[in-house]
Every structure is written in structure tokens, then in C-alpha cells.
């Protein structure tokens, strides 16, 4: 996360994270060989225009793993 939000200290990050989680924020990690390579921070929202939807706050891949295909959409076979 510090590659994306370079201005945050660990203390500020943890304080904000605690508050954001109360508002429905979730942080997901993608691992490769027990190492976090990508993060997605999101929350479910509801409004009149989009109805129920996901709002993505953060989406980052570690600089050492960029262009490795982690963000590609995999096509699923239709049965």
C-alpha cells in the first residue's frame, strides 16, 4: 500500500483503516509464493444511479510484479 499512498505514515494508515472499516471498507490481497503482490481496497455502495455497486478506492500491484498479468481478466468457458 505504501507504493500507492506514499504520504501516509503507518500510524495514520492504521487510524484511517480502522475508521474506514466501520464504513464497510474491505482490503483484499493477491499472493504469489506467500508474498502480497496486489491489493484492492473497496466497499459496497448503493445509490439511485448505479443501484448496488462496488466502489474501488485502491488498486495496486507491487512494482516488482507489474506487467506479470495479475490484472488480466481470465475468460471462463460457457457451458
Protein backbone atom coordinates (compact mmCIF):
# COMPACT_ATOMS: atom_id res chain seq x y z
CA UNK A 1 0.00 0.00 0.00
CA UNK A 2 2.87 2.38 0.66
CA UNK A 3 3.77 2.33 -3.05
CA UNK A 4 0.36 3.87 -3.80
CA UNK A 5 -0.20 6.04 -0.72
CA UNK A 6 3.34 7.32 -0.21
CA UNK A 7 2.27 10.22 2.02
CA UNK A 8 0.79 8.01 4.76
CA UNK A 9 2.67 7.04 7.88
CA UNK A 10 1.91 3.64 9.37
CA UNK A 11 0.14 5.32 12.28
CA UNK A 12 -2.11 7.40 10.03
CA UNK A 13 -2.77 4.41 7.78
CA UNK A 14 -3.91 2.27 10.71
CA UNK A 15 -6.09 5.05 12.15
CA UNK A 16 -7.80 5.66 8.80
CA UNK A 17 -8.17 1.94 8.11
CA UNK A 18 -9.98 1.42 11.41
CA UNK A 19 -12.40 4.25 10.62
CA UNK A 20 -12.92 3.15 7.01
CA UNK A 21 -13.70 -0.43 8.05
CA UNK A 22 -16.61 0.89 10.14
CA UNK A 23 -17.98 2.32 6.89
CA UNK A 24 -17.72 -1.03 5.06
CA UNK A 25 -14.20 -0.80 3.59
CA UNK A 26 -12.51 -4.13 2.82
CA UNK A 27 -8.95 -4.76 1.70
CA UNK A 28 -8.14 -7.80 -0.44
CA UNK A 29 -4.70 -9.15 -1.27
CA UNK A 30 -3.40 -11.37 -4.05
CA UNK A 31 -0.50 -13.58 -3.00
CA UNK A 32 2.23 -15.24 -5.03
CA UNK A 33 4.62 -17.55 -3.17
CA UNK A 34 3.35 -16.22 0.20
CA UNK A 35 4.09 -12.61 -0.80
CA UNK A 36 1.45 -9.92 -1.38
CA UNK A 37 1.71 -8.78 -4.98
CA UNK A 38 -1.57 -6.85 -5.42
CA UNK A 39 -4.10 -5.06 -3.25
CA UNK A 40 -7.66 -3.92 -3.84
CA UNK A 41 -9.47 -1.69 -1.35
CA UNK A 42 -13.22 -1.47 -1.88
CA UNK A 43 -16.64 -1.10 -0.36
CA UNK A 44 -20.19 -1.84 -1.43
CA UNK A 45 -22.26 1.26 -2.08
CA UNK A 46 -25.87 1.96 -3.02
CA UNK A 47 -27.22 4.97 -4.87
CA UNK A 48 -30.04 5.84 -7.24
CA UNK A 49 -27.89 5.89 -10.38
CA UNK A 50 -25.79 2.71 -10.04
CA UNK A 51 -28.02 0.89 -7.52
CA UNK A 52 -25.86 -1.61 -5.57
CA UNK A 53 -22.25 -1.46 -6.76
CA UNK A 54 -18.64 -1.79 -5.69
CA UNK A 55 -16.58 1.37 -5.25
CA UNK A 56 -12.85 0.74 -5.67
CA UNK A 57 -10.64 3.05 -3.61
CA UNK A 58 -7.26 1.40 -4.19
CA UNK A 59 -5.96 -0.96 -6.82
CA UNK A 60 -2.22 -1.56 -6.86
CA UNK A 61 0.31 -4.18 -7.91
CA UNK A 62 3.77 -4.22 -6.35
CA UNK A 63 6.21 -2.52 -8.73
CA UNK A 64 8.35 -5.68 -8.88
CA UNK A 65 5.34 -7.66 -10.21
CA UNK A 66 3.75 -5.23 -12.67
CA UNK A 67 3.18 -6.47 -16.22
CA UNK A 68 3.01 -10.03 -14.88
CA UNK A 69 -0.63 -10.50 -15.85
CA UNK A 70 -2.17 -10.23 -12.37
CA UNK A 71 -4.74 -7.70 -13.57
CA UNK A 72 -5.87 -9.63 -16.63
CA UNK A 73 -9.38 -10.97 -16.92
CA UNK A 74 -9.45 -14.69 -17.48
CA UNK A 75 -12.13 -15.92 -19.88
CA UNK A 76 -14.35 -18.62 -18.45
CA UNK A 77 -15.80 -21.33 -20.68
CA UNK A 78 -19.55 -21.13 -21.33
CA UNK A 79 -21.36 -24.38 -20.53
